[in-house]
Amino acid sequence: MISSITKKRIASFMRIRRAWWSLLCFIGLFVFCLLADFVCPYSPHRITPVGELEPYLKDVVRNEYDIKTVRYSQLPSGEIFDVEGPLESINKDDYKITQTQKEGYVRVFMEHKEQPNVIEHKIGKEKVSFPFRPCPGHYFGLDSSGRDVYSRIVHALRIALLFATALALSGLFFGLIIGAIEGYFGGRIDIVFQRLTEIWSAMPFIYVMTFIGSTVGRSFTVLLVCYGVFNWIAVSYYMRAEFLRLRTRQFVEAARVQGFGTLHIIFKEILPNALTPLITLFPFLLLGAVASLSALDFLGFGLPPMTPSCGELLFQAQQHPEAWWLVVFPAIALFVVMMLAVLIGEGLRDAFDPRQKSRLE
């Protein structure tokens, strides 16, 4: 049964419209990405045939400019030499004249005041090269290997959201267990676990990822395990503080007097009253996991090659600066996911914050 306090908190969260609508949008986006195999017109690994793009090739045009200019040199005596252009048959009033003083003579440059005529010469169709710009059938364009960017973004978000969810849940689980042990027992156990946590948190994460990736190989499971062994640290600090605060409350003392065991007190008495940090941290853990996975893929330490990833598309954009679609569409997708997670997290924090709201009069 849901307690009355929890019902009030849920109602308070639903009254925060931006957070409530962000949650609905996030759920809809998650379901949409889970159905990526059905909503995407192409496989993320399909290489587009060159013949499929031929109707969208542009004509290669060579522009020929009819530039009317005259150049000549003039001695102080008025003698003209080194003439370039029809000097005798022109009207000087139609030209802008610029003079440059040289040693012993003056160099004169005459530029026509009207814009030059442009003559276009079509020399054929352009050649297909990847990455290819957005076109009908591939509205997000193609990447450097000829794969549909839209399909890769949707599949990349599915992988990223599944990875982030698994990582956040594992971080909450291990952080809860370790933080509960530290906060409930206290004393030497708390000191020992705190020192071990500080030592573990001081280990360089990127070096560990590089070492394991080069020895074991890059895969979804390896990345999840490697990241998961570091992701619980922040959660354990919050849970330790909550258990230290609640272990001396009267309802906990009453449970001890009644003879309940340690596990019952931790999971039945204290934990239901210490869920606020877990609930409010969950969206931010999702946010951090998605951002970290994209960053690792961009650096080349993330998922295996050929796996759809927004970070890998951004890395391709770095190699092909002219392909703006490799930056714009993956960046928009990551921005939407992160913004929704931030709005949900802020709404949960405001709704589940037990402190009374106050206002200065």
Protein backbone atom coordinates (compact mmCIF):
# COMPACT_ATOMS: atom_id res chain seq x y z
CA MET A 1 0.00 0.00 0.00
CA ILE A 2 1.17 3.50 -0.81
CA SER A 3 1.35 5.72 2.25
CA SER A 4 -0.47 9.03 2.43
CA ILE A 5 2.85 10.91 2.44
CA THR A 6 3.90 9.18 -0.78
CA LYS A 7 0.55 9.99 -2.38
CA LYS A 8 1.01 13.65 -1.47
CA ARG A 9 4.50 13.64 -2.97
CA ILE A 10 3.26 12.05 -6.20
CA ALA A 11 0.45 14.61 -6.40
CA SER A 12 2.97 17.38 -5.78
CA PHE A 13 5.16 16.02 -8.60
CA MET A 14 2.20 15.93 -11.00
CA ARG A 15 1.44 19.56 -10.21
CA ILE A 16 4.91 20.50 -11.49
CA ARG A 17 3.79 20.56 -15.11
CA ARG A 18 7.22 20.74 -16.75
CA ALA A 19 8.42 17.71 -14.77
CA TRP A 20 5.23 15.70 -15.33
CA TRP A 21 5.18 16.32 -19.09
CA SER A 22 8.91 15.64 -19.26
CA LEU A 23 8.32 12.26 -17.61
CA LEU A 24 5.59 11.39 -20.12
CA CYS A 25 7.82 12.50 -23.02
CA PHE A 26 10.74 10.51 -21.64
CA ILE A 27 8.62 7.37 -21.32
CA GLY A 28 7.30 7.87 -24.85
CA LEU A 29 10.82 8.36 -26.17
CA PHE A 30 12.02 5.24 -24.35
CA VAL A 31 9.20 3.13 -25.82
CA PHE A 32 9.83 4.61 -29.27
CA CYS A 33 13.52 3.67 -29.07
CA LEU A 34 12.69 0.16 -27.83
CA LEU A 35 10.67 -0.27 -31.05
CA ALA A 36 13.62 0.91 -33.16
CA ASP A 37 13.49 -2.20 -35.36
CA PHE A 38 9.95 -1.28 -36.39
CA VAL A 39 10.07 2.52 -36.59
CA CYS A 40 13.33 2.78 -38.54
CA PRO A 41 13.13 2.30 -42.32
CA TYR A 42 16.63 0.82 -42.53
CA SER A 43 18.96 -1.31 -40.48
CA PRO A 44 21.63 0.75 -38.69
CA HIS A 45 24.28 -1.40 -40.40
CA ARG A 46 22.90 -1.16 -43.95
CA ILE A 47 25.23 0.55 -46.41
CA THR A 48 23.24 2.56 -48.93
CA PRO A 49 23.91 1.58 -52.57
CA VAL A 50 25.30 4.34 -54.75
CA GLY A 51 22.55 3.86 -57.32
CA GLU A 52 19.92 4.71 -54.72
CA LEU A 53 21.35 8.22 -54.41
CA GLU A 54 21.76 8.99 -58.11
CA PRO A 55 18.36 10.78 -58.43
CA TYR A 56 19.49 13.26 -55.78
CA LEU A 57 22.87 14.13 -57.25
CA LYS A 58 23.39 17.76 -58.17
CA ASP A 59 24.79 19.08 -61.43
CA VAL A 60 28.41 20.13 -61.31
CA VAL A 61 28.58 23.67 -62.66
CA ARG A 62 31.66 25.61 -63.67
CA ASN A 63 31.17 29.36 -63.54
CA GLU A 64 32.94 31.57 -66.03
CA TYR A 65 33.09 35.24 -65.10
CA ASP A 66 33.26 37.96 -67.75
CA ILE A 67 35.53 40.26 -65.77
CA LYS A 68 36.29 43.55 -67.50
CA THR A 69 39.56 44.89 -66.14
CA VAL A 70 42.45 46.84 -67.61
CA ARG A 71 46.00 47.13 -66.29
CA TYR A 72 48.85 49.28 -67.55
CA SER A 73 51.95 51.13 -66.41
CA GLN A 74 52.63 54.83 -67.08
CA LEU A 75 55.91 56.73 -66.95
CA PRO A 76 56.13 60.32 -65.62
CA SER A 77 56.41 61.48 -69.24
CA GLY A 78 52.99 60.03 -69.98
CA GLU A 79 54.24 57.04 -71.97
CA ILE A 80 52.12 53.91 -71.41
CA PHE A 81 53.55 50.38 -71.50
CA ASP A 82 52.81 46.84 -70.20
CA VAL A 83 49.11 47.09 -71.15
CA GLU A 84 46.69 44.27 -70.24
CA GLY A 85 43.19 44.68 -71.68
CA PRO A 86 41.48 46.86 -74.35
CA LEU A 87 42.66 50.26 -73.18
CA GLU A 88 41.84 52.26 -76.30
CA SER A 89 38.25 51.03 -76.83
CA ILE A 90 36.84 51.63 -73.33
CA ASN A 91 35.04 54.47 -71.60
CA LYS A 92 37.04 55.35 -68.52
CA ASP A 93 33.93 56.77 -66.83
CA ASP A 94 32.61 53.21 -66.51
CA TYR A 95 35.68 52.07 -64.57
CA LYS A 96 36.97 52.51 -61.05
CA ILE A 97 40.63 53.52 -61.30
CA THR A 98 43.25 52.59 -58.67
CA GLN A 99 46.86 53.76 -58.93
CA THR A 100 49.89 52.28 -57.21
CA GLN A 101 53.17 54.20 -57.14
CA LYS A 102 56.12 52.09 -58.26
CA GLU A 103 59.81 52.99 -58.60
CA GLY A 104 60.00 55.22 -61.67
CA TYR A 105 56.44 54.63 -62.91
CA VAL A 106 52.78 54.29 -61.83
CA ARG A 107 50.82 51.04 -62.06
CA VAL A 108 47.15 51.69 -62.94
CA PHE A 109 44.34 49.19 -62.35
CA MET A 110 40.89 49.79 -63.88
CA GLU A 111 37.91 47.73 -62.58
CA HIS A 112 34.47 47.92 -64.21
CA LYS A 113 31.80 49.40 -61.92
CA GLU A 114 29.15 46.86 -62.99
CA GLN A 115 29.09 43.27 -61.69
CA PRO A 116 30.72 40.83 -64.09
CA ASN A 117 28.50 38.53 -66.15
CA VAL A 118 28.44 34.91 -65.02
CA ILE A 119 28.27 32.13 -67.59
CA GLU A 120 27.42 28.67 -66.19
CA HIS A 121 28.79 25.55 -67.85
CA LYS A 122 27.32 22.19 -66.77
CA ILE A 123 30.02 19.55 -66.83
CA GLY A 124 27.99 16.59 -65.50
CA LYS A 125 26.71 15.09 -62.25
CA GLU A 126 28.57 15.08 -58.96
CA LYS A 127 30.06 11.83 -57.70
CA VAL A 128 28.57 10.04 -54.71
CA SER A 129 30.75 10.37 -51.62
CA PHE A 130 30.03 9.63 -47.99
CA PRO A 131 28.96 11.24 -45.74
CA PHE A 132 26.04 12.27 -47.93
CA ARG A 133 23.69 15.19 -47.21
CA PRO A 134 20.01 14.72 -46.17
CA CYS A 135 17.77 13.69 -49.05
CA PRO A 136 14.36 12.05 -49.56
CA GLY A 137 14.45 8.64 -47.90
CA HIS A 138 17.38 9.67 -45.70
CA TYR A 139 16.16 12.84 -44.04
CA PHE A 140 18.98 12.84 -41.47
CA GLY A 141 21.63 12.13 -44.08
CA LEU A 142 24.19 9.33 -44.31
CA ASP A 143 27.34 8.85 -42.28
CA SER A 144 30.88 8.31 -43.53
CA SER A 145 30.14 4.63 -44.30
CA GLY A 146 26.85 5.26 -46.10
CA ARG A 147 24.57 4.24 -43.22
CA ASP A 148 21.32 6.02 -42.43
CA VAL A 149 21.90 8.54 -39.61
CA TYR A 150 18.28 8.49 -38.41
CA SER A 151 18.32 4.72 -37.92
CA ARG A 152 21.65 4.86 -36.14
CA ILE A 153 20.49 7.64 -33.80
CA VAL A 154 17.32 5.77 -32.78
CA HIS A 155 19.21 2.52 -32.19
CA ALA A 156 21.97 4.45 -30.39
CA LEU A 157 19.43 5.99 -28.02
CA ARG A 158 17.94 2.57 -27.34
CA ILE A 159 21.34 1.19 -26.40
CA ALA A 160 22.21 4.29 -24.37
CA LEU A 161 18.92 4.28 -22.43
CA LEU A 162 19.14 0.55 -21.69
CA PHE A 163 22.74 0.95 -20.61
CA ALA A 164 21.89 3.99 -18.46
CA THR A 165 18.93 2.23 -16.83
CA ALA A 166 20.96 -0.87 -15.99
CA LEU A 167 23.84 1.23 -14.73
CA ALA A 168 21.63 3.50 -12.61
CA LEU A 169 19.79 0.56 -11.04
CA SER A 170 23.04 -1.24 -10.25
CA GLY A 171 24.49 1.96 -8.79
CA LEU A 172 21.42 2.45 -6.61
CA PHE A 173 21.50 -1.17 -5.45
CA PHE A 174 25.17 -1.33 -4.46
CA GLY A 175 25.14 2.22 -3.10
CA LEU A 176 22.12 1.36 -0.97
CA ILE A 177 23.70 -1.81 0.44
CA ILE A 178 27.06 -0.23 1.27
CA GLY A 179 25.56 3.02 2.54
CA ALA A 180 23.08 1.11 4.72
CA ILE A 181 25.87 -0.96 6.29
CA GLU A 182 27.95 2.14 6.99
CA GLY A 183 25.10 4.22 8.36
CA TYR A 184 23.31 1.57 10.40
CA PHE A 185 26.26 -0.04 12.15
CA GLY A 186 28.54 3.01 12.35
CA GLY A 187 31.70 2.82 14.46
CA ARG A 188 34.63 0.82 13.12
CA ILE A 189 32.60 -0.71 10.31
CA ASP A 190 31.72 2.78 9.08
CA ILE A 191 35.34 3.94 9.29
CA VAL A 192 36.68 0.88 7.45
CA PHE A 193 34.11 1.12 4.65
CA GLN A 194 34.66 4.87 4.33
CA ARG A 195 38.41 4.45 3.91
CA LEU A 196 37.91 1.67 1.35
CA THR A 197 35.43 3.84 -0.53
CA GLU A 198 37.86 6.76 -0.60
CA ILE A 199 40.63 4.51 -1.93
CA TRP A 200 38.33 3.06 -4.58
CA SER A 201 37.07 6.48 -5.68
CA ALA A 202 40.67 7.68 -6.12
CA MET A 203 41.35 5.11 -8.84
CA PRO A 204 41.54 6.70 -12.33
CA PHE A 205 38.42 5.52 -14.11
CA ILE A 206 39.54 6.26 -17.66
CA TYR A 207 42.80 4.34 -17.17
CA VAL A 208 40.91 1.35 -15.81
CA MET A 209 38.56 1.47 -18.80
CA THR A 210 41.48 1.71 -21.23
CA PHE A 211 43.31 -1.21 -19.61
CA ILE A 212 40.29 -3.50 -19.44
CA GLY A 213 39.16 -2.57 -22.96
CA SER A 214 42.58 -3.39 -24.41
CA THR A 215 42.91 -6.71 -22.56
CA VAL A 216 39.38 -8.11 -22.36
CA GLY A 217 37.82 -6.31 -25.32
CA ARG A 218 35.04 -3.78 -25.79
CA SER A 219 31.47 -4.98 -25.24
CA PHE A 220 28.22 -3.84 -23.65
CA THR A 221 28.65 -6.17 -20.66
CA VAL A 222 32.30 -5.27 -20.03
CA LEU A 223 31.52 -1.56 -20.20
CA LEU A 224 28.52 -1.96 -17.87
CA VAL A 225 30.52 -3.93 -15.29
CA CYS A 226 33.52 -1.59 -15.42
CA TYR A 227 31.38 1.51 -15.07
CA GLY A 228 29.15 -0.10 -12.45
CA VAL A 229 31.99 -0.75 -10.02
CA PHE A 230 32.53 3.01 -9.77
CA ASN A 231 28.96 4.31 -10.12
CA TRP A 232 27.72 3.40 -6.61
CA ILE A 233 30.08 5.68 -4.69
CA ALA A 234 27.97 8.87 -4.72
CA VAL A 235 24.80 6.94 -3.83
CA SER A 236 26.50 5.30 -0.85
CA TYR A 237 27.34 8.71 0.63
CA TYR A 238 23.70 9.81 0.51
CA MET A 239 22.38 6.51 1.92
CA ARG A 240 24.97 6.52 4.70
CA ALA A 241 23.81 9.99 5.73
CA GLU A 242 20.15 8.93 5.67
CA PHE A 243 20.77 5.81 7.77
CA LEU A 244 22.89 7.76 10.25
CA ARG A 245 20.01 10.23 10.60
CA LEU A 246 17.25 7.64 10.95
CA ARG A 247 18.86 4.90 13.05
CA THR A 248 18.29 6.79 16.30
CA ARG A 249 14.62 7.63 15.61
CA GLN A 250 11.94 6.36 17.93
CA PHE A 251 10.36 3.96 15.41
CA VAL A 252 13.73 2.23 14.98
CA GLU A 253 14.21 1.93 18.75
CA ALA A 254 10.67 0.54 19.02
CA ALA A 255 11.47 -2.11 16.41
CA ARG A 256 14.59 -3.13 18.33
CA VAL A 257 12.60 -3.39 21.56
CA GLN A 258 10.07 -5.63 19.82
CA GLY A 259 12.90 -8.00 18.89
CA PHE A 260 13.04 -7.49 15.13
CA GLY A 261 16.27 -8.46 13.44
CA THR A 262 18.77 -6.21 11.66
CA LEU A 263 17.54 -6.99 8.14
CA HIS A 264 13.95 -6.25 9.12
CA ILE A 265 14.90 -2.92 10.65
CA ILE A 266 17.03 -1.92 7.66
CA PHE A 267 14.62 -2.90 4.88
CA LYS A 268 11.24 -2.56 6.60
CA GLU A 269 11.72 0.35 8.99
CA ILE A 270 14.55 2.60 7.80
CA LEU A 271 14.64 2.05 4.02
CA PRO A 272 11.04 3.18 3.30
CA ASN A 273 11.88 6.46 5.04
CA ALA A 274 15.21 6.83 3.21
CA LEU A 275 14.01 6.45 -0.38
CA THR A 276 14.01 10.16 -1.19
CA PRO A 277 17.71 10.28 -2.22
CA LEU A 278 17.30 7.16 -4.35
CA ILE A 279 14.27 8.51 -6.19
CA THR A 280 15.69 11.97 -6.77
CA LEU A 281 19.13 10.67 -7.83
CA PHE A 282 17.82 8.18 -10.37
CA PRO A 283 17.18 10.67 -13.27
CA PHE A 284 20.56 12.30 -12.71
CA LEU A 285 22.27 8.89 -12.76
CA LEU A 286 20.55 8.22 -16.08
CA LEU A 287 21.75 11.57 -17.35
CA GLY A 288 25.33 10.91 -16.30
CA ALA A 289 25.33 7.42 -17.81
CA VAL A 290 24.08 8.60 -21.21
CA ALA A 291 26.61 11.44 -21.28
CA SER A 292 29.47 9.16 -20.19
CA LEU A 293 28.64 6.50 -22.76
CA SER A 294 28.58 9.09 -25.55
CA ALA A 295 31.87 10.56 -24.34
CA LEU A 296 33.55 7.15 -24.19
CA ASP A 297 32.32 6.29 -27.69
CA PHE A 298 33.63 9.62 -28.94
CA LEU A 299 37.06 8.86 -27.44
CA GLY A 300 37.04 5.29 -28.75
CA PHE A 301 36.81 3.49 -25.39
CA GLY A 302 33.09 2.73 -25.39
CA LEU A 303 31.02 0.18 -27.27
CA PRO A 304 32.53 -2.10 -29.95
CA PRO A 305 33.05 -0.72 -33.47
CA MET A 306 29.99 -0.67 -35.78
CA THR A 307 27.68 -0.30 -32.77
CA PRO A 308 25.25 2.63 -33.25
CA SER A 309 26.28 5.50 -31.01
CA CYS A 310 25.76 9.26 -30.92
CA GLY A 311 29.33 9.68 -29.70
CA GLU A 312 30.63 7.75 -32.72
CA LEU A 313 28.61 10.01 -35.06
CA LEU A 314 30.09 13.08 -33.39
CA PHE A 315 33.55 11.59 -33.88
CA GLN A 316 32.79 11.20 -37.59
CA ALA A 317 31.70 14.85 -37.67
CA GLN A 318 35.12 15.81 -36.36
CA GLN A 319 36.69 14.01 -39.32
CA HIS A 320 34.26 15.59 -41.80
CA PRO A 321 33.60 19.21 -40.73
CA GLU A 322 31.49 19.87 -43.83
CA ALA A 323 28.92 17.21 -42.79
CA TRP A 324 26.80 19.40 -40.51
CA TRP A 325 24.11 16.70 -40.16
CA LEU A 326 26.55 14.49 -38.24
CA VAL A 327 26.69 17.18 -35.55
CA VAL A 328 23.21 18.66 -35.51
CA PHE A 329 21.01 15.56 -35.29
CA PRO A 330 23.02 13.51 -32.71
CA ALA A 331 23.51 16.66 -30.60
CA ILE A 332 19.76 17.40 -30.66
CA ALA A 333 18.97 13.81 -29.65
CA LEU A 334 21.39 13.93 -26.70
CA PHE A 335 20.16 17.39 -25.70
CA VAL A 336 16.51 16.25 -25.62
CA VAL A 337 17.28 13.17 -23.52
CA MET A 338 19.43 15.10 -21.06
CA MET A 339 17.00 18.01 -20.77
CA LEU A 340 14.09 15.65 -20.03
CA ALA A 341 16.17 13.87 -17.38
CA VAL A 342 17.14 17.17 -15.75
CA LEU A 343 13.53 18.43 -15.64
CA ILE A 344 12.32 15.12 -14.18
CA GLY A 345 15.09 15.13 -11.57
CA GLU A 346 14.37 18.71 -10.53
CA GLY A 347 10.66 17.94 -10.26
CA LEU A 348 11.30 14.87 -8.11
CA ARG A 349 13.65 16.83 -5.88
CA ASP A 350 11.09 19.58 -5.37
CA ALA A 351 8.21 17.13 -4.77
CA PHE A 352 10.04 14.72 -2.47
CA ASP A 353 12.03 17.33 -0.51
CA PRO A 354 10.79 16.91 3.09
CA ARG A 355 11.76 20.43 4.07
CA GLN A 356 8.93 22.89 4.45
CA LYS A 357 8.83 25.58 1.81
CA SER A 358 9.31 29.04 3.28
CA ARG A 359 9.05 32.54 1.89
CA LEU A 360 10.45 35.81 3.12
CA GLU A 361 7.72 38.39 3.70
